[in-house]
Amino acid sequence: MASEADSWRDDDDEDEAEQLPCPACGQWVYEETEKCPHCGDWINPRSRAAKSKPWVWMTALVLVVILILLAVHGF
């Protein structure tokens, strides 16, 4: 039979599993949190995608095109 202290520790383990760092400030927040209580930044997949830098994607695309051209021309 588990003691009250053991069940309290189990609850803490579950809470930690449901937390993740805020992408803006790095403070731990619950997964369901929509807005970080520490920095006020919105936390959702769309806002993370919107913050991605377009030059990174363009550079990756250019490299892929170059690799395809090299493969087609037999270099």
PDB file of N, CA and C in Angstrom:
ATOM      1  N   MET A   1       0.848  -1.170   0.000  1.00  0.00           N
ATOM      2  CA  MET A   1       0.000   0.000   0.000  1.00  0.00           C
ATOM      3  C   MET A   1       0.896   1.235   0.000  1.00  0.00           C
ATOM      4  N   ALA A   2       0.682   2.165  -0.926  1.00  0.00           N
ATOM      5  CA  ALA A   2       1.521   3.356  -1.060  1.00  0.00           C
ATOM      6  C   ALA A   2       1.141   4.389  -0.015  1.00  0.00           C
ATOM      7  N   SER A   3       2.168   5.028   0.507  1.00  0.00           N
ATOM      8  CA  SER A   3       1.910   6.066   1.496  1.00  0.00           C
ATOM      9  C   SER A   3       1.509   7.362   0.793  1.00  0.00           C
ATOM     10  N   GLU A   4       1.049   8.322   1.572  1.00  0.00           N
ATOM     11  CA  GLU A   4       0.640   9.615   1.008  1.00  0.00           C
ATOM     12  C   GLU A   4       1.829  10.328   0.376  1.00  0.00           C
ATOM     13  N   ALA A   5       3.012  10.208   0.979  1.00  0.00           N
ATOM     14  CA  ALA A   5       4.214  10.845   0.438  1.00  0.00           C
ATOM     15  C   ALA A   5       4.584  10.241  -0.912  1.00  0.00           C
ATOM     16  N   ASP A   6       4.433   8.911  -1.053  1.00  0.00           N
ATOM     17  CA  ASP A   6       4.737   8.270  -2.330  1.00  0.00           C
ATOM     18  C   ASP A   6       3.798   8.742  -3.421  1.00  0.00           C
ATOM     19  N   SER A   7       2.512   8.864  -3.117  1.00  0.00           N
ATOM     20  CA  SER A   7       1.566   9.309  -4.140  1.00  0.00           C
ATOM     21  C   SER A   7       1.833  10.763  -4.512  1.00  0.00           C
ATOM     22  N   TRP A   8       2.292  11.579  -3.546  1.00  0.00           N
ATOM     23  CA  TRP A   8       2.626  12.968  -3.839  1.00  0.00           C
ATOM     24  C   TRP A   8       3.811  13.033  -4.800  1.00  0.00           C
ATOM     25  N   ARG A   9       4.817  12.162  -4.597  1.00  0.00           N
ATOM     26  CA  ARG A   9       5.970  12.123  -5.499  1.00  0.00           C
ATOM     27  C   ARG A   9       5.551  11.682  -6.895  1.00  0.00           C
ATOM     28  N   ASP A  10       4.634  10.724  -6.993  1.00  0.00           N
ATOM     29  CA  ASP A  10       4.153  10.277  -8.294  1.00  0.00           C
ATOM     30  C   ASP A  10       3.465  11.411  -9.033  1.00  0.00           C
ATOM     31  N   ASP A  11       2.703  12.238  -8.324  1.00  0.00           N
ATOM     32  CA  ASP A  11       2.039  13.373  -8.946  1.00  0.00           C
ATOM     33  C   ASP A  11       3.054  14.359  -9.505  1.00  0.00           C
ATOM     34  N   ASP A  12       4.160  14.584  -8.797  1.00  0.00           N
ATOM     35  CA  ASP A  12       5.192  15.493  -9.272  1.00  0.00           C
ATOM     36  C   ASP A  12       5.825  14.973 -10.551  1.00  0.00           C
ATOM     37  N   ASP A  13       6.057  13.663 -10.644  1.00  0.00           N
ATOM     38  CA  ASP A  13       6.633  13.083 -11.850  1.00  0.00           C
ATOM     39  C   ASP A  13       5.712  13.301 -13.039  1.00  0.00           C
ATOM     40  N   GLU A  14       4.404  13.181 -12.819  1.00  0.00           N
ATOM     41  CA  GLU A  14       3.451  13.398 -13.905  1.00  0.00           C
ATOM     42  C   GLU A  14       3.459  14.858 -14.329  1.00  0.00           C
ATOM     43  N   ASP A  15       3.558  15.798 -13.374  1.00  0.00           N
ATOM     44  CA  ASP A  15       3.584  17.212 -13.703  1.00  0.00           C
ATOM     45  C   ASP A  15       4.806  17.562 -14.547  1.00  0.00           C
ATOM     46  N   GLU A  16       5.955  17.000 -14.194  1.00  0.00           N
ATOM     47  CA  GLU A  16       7.169  17.281 -14.945  1.00  0.00           C
ATOM     48  C   GLU A  16       7.064  16.773 -16.377  1.00  0.00           C
ATOM     49  N   ALA A  17       6.394  15.669 -16.575  1.00  0.00           N
ATOM     50  CA  ALA A  17       6.250  15.113 -17.914  1.00  0.00           C
ATOM     51  C   ALA A  17       5.347  15.984 -18.781  1.00  0.00           C
ATOM     52  N   GLU A  18       4.488  16.788 -18.155  1.00  0.00           N
ATOM     53  CA  GLU A  18       3.561  17.621 -18.899  1.00  0.00           C
ATOM     54  C   GLU A  18       4.096  19.030 -19.118  1.00  0.00           C
ATOM     55  N   GLN A  19       5.357  19.265 -18.811  1.00  0.00           N
ATOM     56  CA  GLN A  19       5.930  20.597 -18.971  1.00  0.00           C
ATOM     57  C   GLN A  19       6.974  20.603 -20.075  1.00  0.00           C
ATOM     58  N   LEU A  20       7.154  21.764 -20.680  1.00  0.00           N
ATOM     59  CA  LEU A  20       8.176  21.953 -21.686  1.00  0.00           C
ATOM     60  C   LEU A  20       8.681  23.379 -21.587  1.00  0.00           C
ATOM     61  N   PRO A  21       9.879  23.649 -22.100  1.00  0.00           N
ATOM     62  CA  PRO A  21      10.409  25.010 -22.001  1.00  0.00           C
ATOM     63  C   PRO A  21       9.722  25.947 -22.987  1.00  0.00           C
ATOM     64  N   CYS A  22       9.499  27.178 -22.553  1.00  0.00           N
ATOM     65  CA  CYS A  22       8.937  28.206 -23.434  1.00  0.00           C
ATOM     66  C   CYS A  22       9.950  28.460 -24.546  1.00  0.00           C
ATOM     67  N   PRO A  23       9.520  28.516 -25.810  1.00  0.00           N
ATOM     68  CA  PRO A  23      10.468  28.742 -26.903  1.00  0.00           C
ATOM     69  C   PRO A  23      11.109  30.133 -26.862  1.00  0.00           C
ATOM     70  N   ALA A  24      10.465  31.085 -26.184  1.00  0.00           N
ATOM     71  CA  ALA A  24      11.004  32.449 -26.132  1.00  0.00           C
ATOM     72  C   ALA A  24      11.973  32.655 -24.972  1.00  0.00           C
ATOM     73  N   CYS A  25      11.566  32.234 -23.751  1.00  0.00           N
ATOM     74  CA  CYS A  25      12.393  32.555 -22.587  1.00  0.00           C
ATOM     75  C   CYS A  25      13.032  31.329 -21.933  1.00  0.00           C
ATOM     76  N   GLY A  26      12.568  30.122 -22.269  1.00  0.00           N
ATOM     77  CA  GLY A  26      13.164  28.908 -21.728  1.00  0.00           C
ATOM     78  C   GLY A  26      12.619  28.475 -20.383  1.00  0.00           C
ATOM     79  N   GLN A  27      11.714  29.239 -19.783  1.00  0.00           N
ATOM     80  CA  GLN A  27      11.123  28.852 -18.504  1.00  0.00           C
ATOM     81  C   GLN A  27      10.164  27.686 -18.730  1.00  0.00           C
ATOM     82  N   TRP A  28      10.026  26.811 -17.749  1.00  0.00           N
ATOM     83  CA  TRP A  28       9.166  25.643 -17.867  1.00  0.00           C
ATOM     84  C   TRP A  28       7.706  26.039 -17.728  1.00  0.00           C
ATOM     85  N   VAL A  29       6.879  25.585 -18.675  1.00  0.00           N
ATOM     86  CA  VAL A  29       5.437  25.844 -18.653  1.00  0.00           C
ATOM     87  C   VAL A  29       4.719  24.547 -18.996  1.00  0.00           C
ATOM     88  N   TYR A  30       3.453  24.452 -18.638  1.00  0.00           N
ATOM     89  CA  TYR A  30       2.665  23.276 -18.977  1.00  0.00           C
ATOM     90  C   TYR A  30       2.397  23.231 -20.479  1.00  0.00           C
ATOM     91  N   GLU A  31       2.303  22.012 -21.025  1.00  0.00           N
ATOM     92  CA  GLU A  31       2.082  21.833 -22.459  1.00  0.00           C
ATOM     93  C   GLU A  31       0.827  22.546 -22.942  1.00  0.00           C
ATOM     94  N   GLU A  32      -0.205  22.584 -22.121  1.00  0.00           N
ATOM     95  CA  GLU A  32      -1.475  23.171 -22.520  1.00  0.00           C
ATOM     96  C   GLU A  32      -1.465  24.700 -22.457  1.00  0.00           C
ATOM     97  N   THR A  33      -0.393  25.283 -21.920  1.00  0.00           N
ATOM     98  CA  THR A  33      -0.327  26.726 -21.771  1.00  0.00           C
ATOM     99  C   THR A  33      -0.308  27.398 -23.134  1.00  0.00           C
ATOM    100  N   GLU A  34      -1.170  28.393 -23.310  1.00  0.00           N
ATOM    101  CA  GLU A  34      -1.213  29.112 -24.573  1.00  0.00           C
ATOM    102  C   GLU A  34      -0.298  30.333 -24.571  1.00  0.00           C
ATOM    103  N   LYS A  35      -0.127  30.948 -23.382  1.00  0.00           N
ATOM    104  CA  LYS A  35       0.715  32.132 -23.269  1.00  0.00           C
ATOM    105  C   LYS A  35       1.633  31.958 -22.064  1.00  0.00           C
ATOM    106  N   CYS A  36       2.922  32.187 -22.261  1.00  0.00           N
ATOM    107  CA  CYS A  36       3.893  32.008 -21.185  1.00  0.00           C
ATOM    108  C   CYS A  36       3.636  33.005 -20.062  1.00  0.00           C
ATOM    109  N   PRO A  37       3.477  32.525 -18.827  1.00  0.00           N
ATOM    110  CA  PRO A  37       3.253  33.440 -17.714  1.00  0.00           C
ATOM    111  C   PRO A  37       4.512  34.229 -17.328  1.00  0.00           C
ATOM    112  N   HIS A  38       5.673  33.801 -17.826  1.00  0.00           N
ATOM    113  CA  HIS A  38       6.929  34.457 -17.479  1.00  0.00           C
ATOM    114  C   HIS A  38       7.250  35.615 -18.415  1.00  0.00           C
ATOM    115  N   CYS A  39       7.154  35.375 -19.722  1.00  0.00           N
ATOM    116  CA  CYS A  39       7.548  36.408 -20.683  1.00  0.00           C
ATOM    117  C   CYS A  39       6.366  36.974 -21.471  1.00  0.00           C
ATOM    118  N   GLY A  40       5.211  36.274 -21.425  1.00  0.00           N
ATOM    119  CA  GLY A  40       4.030  36.758 -22.132  1.00  0.00           C
ATOM    120  C   GLY A  40       3.957  36.354 -23.595  1.00  0.00           C
ATOM    121  N   ASP A  41       4.937  35.567 -24.065  1.00  0.00           N
ATOM    122  CA  ASP A  41       4.922  35.137 -25.463  1.00  0.00           C
ATOM    123  C   ASP A  41       3.890  34.037 -25.656  1.00  0.00           C
ATOM    124  N   TRP A  42       3.238  34.028 -26.817  1.00  0.00           N
ATOM    125  CA  TRP A  42       2.256  32.984 -27.134  1.00  0.00           C
ATOM    126  C   TRP A  42       2.981  31.690 -27.444  1.00  0.00           C
ATOM    127  N   ILE A  43       2.445  30.587 -26.936  1.00  0.00           N
ATOM    128  CA  ILE A  43       3.055  29.277 -27.130  1.00  0.00           C
ATOM    129  C   ILE A  43       2.074  28.416 -27.911  1.00  0.00           C
ATOM    130  N   ASN A  44       2.363  28.214 -29.186  1.00  0.00           N
ATOM    131  CA  ASN A  44       1.588  27.295 -30.011  1.00  0.00           C
ATOM    132  C   ASN A  44       2.410  26.965 -31.246  1.00  0.00           C
ATOM    133  N   PRO A  45       2.086  25.866 -31.917  1.00  0.00           N
ATOM    134  CA  PRO A  45       2.891  25.460 -33.078  1.00  0.00           C
ATOM    135  C   PRO A  45       2.923  26.500 -34.189  1.00  0.00           C
ATOM    136  N   ARG A  46       1.832  27.228 -34.388  1.00  0.00           N
ATOM    137  CA  ARG A  46       1.809  28.231 -35.456  1.00  0.00           C
ATOM    138  C   ARG A  46       2.768  29.374 -35.167  1.00  0.00           C
ATOM    139  N   SER A  47       2.819  29.822 -33.914  1.00  0.00           N
ATOM    140  CA  SER A  47       3.725  30.929 -33.595  1.00  0.00           C
ATOM    141  C   SER A  47       5.178  30.483 -33.722  1.00  0.00           C
ATOM    142  N   ARG A  48       5.468  29.238 -33.400  1.00  0.00           N
ATOM    143  CA  ARG A  48       6.839  28.735 -33.554  1.00  0.00           C
ATOM    144  C   ARG A  48       7.221  28.691 -35.028  1.00  0.00           C
ATOM    145  N   ALA A  49       6.299  28.235 -35.872  1.00  0.00           N
ATOM    146  CA  ALA A  49       6.587  28.170 -37.303  1.00  0.00           C
ATOM    147  C   ALA A  49       6.759  29.564 -37.885  1.00  0.00           C
ATOM    148  N   ALA A  50       5.975  30.508 -37.405  1.00  0.00           N
ATOM    149  CA  ALA A  50       6.066  31.874 -37.907  1.00  0.00           C
ATOM    150  C   ALA A  50       7.399  32.509 -37.539  1.00  0.00           C
ATOM    151  N   LYS A  51       7.999  32.074 -36.451  1.00  0.00           N
ATOM    152  CA  LYS A  51       9.264  32.642 -36.012  1.00  0.00           C
ATOM    153  C   LYS A  51      10.461  32.020 -36.720  1.00  0.00           C
ATOM    154  N   SER A  52      10.245  30.937 -37.456  1.00  0.00           N
ATOM    155  CA  SER A  52      11.379  30.316 -38.126  1.00  0.00           C
ATOM    156  C   SER A  52      11.925  31.277 -39.180  1.00  0.00           C
ATOM    157  N   LYS A  53      13.207  31.245 -39.354  1.00  0.00           N
ATOM    158  CA  LYS A  53      13.856  32.186 -40.257  1.00  0.00           C
ATOM    159  C   LYS A  53      13.751  31.684 -41.698  1.00  0.00           C
ATOM    160  N   PRO A  54      13.202  32.500 -42.594  1.00  0.00           N
ATOM    161  CA  PRO A  54      13.023  32.047 -43.985  1.00  0.00           C
ATOM    162  C   PRO A  54      14.340  31.787 -44.702  1.00  0.00           C
ATOM    163  N   TRP A  55      15.422  32.478 -44.305  1.00  0.00           N
ATOM    164  CA  TRP A  55      16.693  32.252 -44.993  1.00  0.00           C
ATOM    165  C   TRP A  55      17.219  30.848 -44.764  1.00  0.00           C
ATOM    166  N   VAL A  56      16.869  30.240 -43.640  1.00  0.00           N
ATOM    167  CA  VAL A  56      17.303  28.870 -43.366  1.00  0.00           C
ATOM    168  C   VAL A  56      16.652  27.928 -44.378  1.00  0.00           C
ATOM    169  N   TRP A  57      15.358  28.107 -44.584  1.00  0.00           N
ATOM    170  CA  TRP A  57      14.644  27.250 -45.531  1.00  0.00           C
ATOM    171  C   TRP A  57      15.109  27.494 -46.967  1.00  0.00           C
ATOM    172  N   MET A  58      15.375  28.738 -47.314  1.00  0.00           N
ATOM    173  CA  MET A  58      15.842  29.042 -48.669  1.00  0.00           C
ATOM    174  C   MET A  58      17.226  28.439 -48.911  1.00  0.00           C
ATOM    175  N   THR A  59      18.095  28.509 -47.931  1.00  0.00           N
ATOM    176  CA  THR A  59      19.431  27.924 -48.059  1.00  0.00           C
ATOM    177  C   THR A  59      19.342  26.413 -48.236  1.00  0.00           C
ATOM    178  N   ALA A  60      18.484  25.777 -47.454  1.00  0.00           N
ATOM    179  CA  ALA A  60      18.305  24.328 -47.570  1.00  0.00           C
ATOM    180  C   ALA A  60      17.754  23.971 -48.951  1.00  0.00           C
ATOM    181  N   LEU A  61      16.800  24.753 -49.432  1.00  0.00           N
ATOM    182  CA  LEU A  61      16.214  24.495 -50.752  1.00  0.00           C
ATOM    183  C   LEU A  61      17.259  24.637 -51.860  1.00  0.00           C
ATOM    184  N   VAL A  62      18.080  25.672 -51.793  1.00  0.00           N
ATOM    185  CA  VAL A  62      19.127  25.879 -52.790  1.00  0.00           C
ATOM    186  C   VAL A  62      20.119  24.719 -52.767  1.00  0.00           C
ATOM    187  N   LEU A  63      20.502  24.265 -51.584  1.00  0.00           N
ATOM    188  CA  LEU A  63      21.430  23.134 -51.489  1.00  0.00           C
ATOM    189  C   LEU A  63      20.841  21.856 -52.081  1.00  0.00           C
ATOM    190  N   VAL A  64      19.566  21.626 -51.836  1.00  0.00           N
ATOM    191  CA  VAL A  64      18.910  20.437 -52.399  1.00  0.00           C
ATOM    192  C   VAL A  64      18.886  20.521 -53.920  1.00  0.00           C
ATOM    193  N   VAL A  65      18.562  21.689 -54.456  1.00  0.00           N
ATOM    194  CA  VAL A  65      18.530  21.858 -55.919  1.00  0.00           C
ATOM    195  C   VAL A  65      19.921  21.629 -56.503  1.00  0.00           C
ATOM    196  N   ILE A  66      20.939  22.159 -55.876  1.00  0.00           N
ATOM    197  CA  ILE A  66      22.310  21.956 -56.358  1.00  0.00           C
ATOM    198  C   ILE A  66      22.684  20.475 -56.339  1.00  0.00           C
ATOM    199  N   LEU A  67      22.340  19.780 -55.266  1.00  0.00           N
ATOM    200  CA  LEU A  67      22.632  18.341 -55.191  1.00  0.00           C
ATOM    201  C   LEU A  67      21.904  17.561 -56.277  1.00  0.00           C
ATOM    202  N   ILE A  68      20.666  17.919 -56.545  1.00  0.00           N
ATOM    203  CA  ILE A  68      19.906  17.237 -57.603  1.00  0.00           C
ATOM    204  C   ILE A  68      20.548  17.497 -58.961  1.00  0.00           C
ATOM    205  N   LEU A  69      20.917  18.748 -59.211  1.00  0.00           N
ATOM    206  CA  LEU A  69      21.577  19.065 -60.499  1.00  0.00           C
ATOM    207  C   LEU A  69      22.895  18.330 -60.649  1.00  0.00           C
ATOM    208  N   LEU A  70      23.658  18.240 -59.594  1.00  0.00           N
ATOM    209  CA  LEU A  70      24.924  17.503 -59.661  1.00  0.00           C
ATOM    210  C   LEU A  70      24.682  16.016 -59.928  1.00  0.00           C
ATOM    211  N   ALA A  71      23.650  15.463 -59.305  1.00  0.00           N
ATOM    212  CA  ALA A  71      23.342  14.042 -59.506  1.00  0.00           C
ATOM    213  C   ALA A  71      22.871  13.776 -60.926  1.00  0.00           C
ATOM    214  N   VAL A  72      22.084  14.672 -61.467  1.00  0.00           N
ATOM    215  CA  VAL A  72      21.557  14.498 -62.836  1.00  0.00           C
ATOM    216  C   VAL A  72      22.678  14.611 -63.863  1.00  0.00           C
ATOM    217  N   HIS A  73      23.604  15.527 -63.667  1.00  0.00           N
ATOM    218  CA  HIS A  73      24.686  15.728 -64.629  1.00  0.00           C
ATOM    219  C   HIS A  73      25.859  14.781 -64.401  1.00  0.00           C
ATOM    220  N   GLY A  74      25.799  13.924 -63.419  1.00  0.00           N
ATOM    221  CA  GLY A  74      26.803  12.907 -63.221  1.00  0.00           C
ATOM    222  C   GLY A  74      28.110  13.376 -62.614  1.00  0.00           C
ATOM    223  N   PHE A  75      28.100  14.398 -61.812  1.00  0.00           N
ATOM    224  CA  PHE A  75      29.325  14.877 -61.194  1.00  0.00           C
ATOM    225  C   PHE A  75      29.628  14.105 -59.975  1.00  0.00           C
TER     226      PHE A  75
END
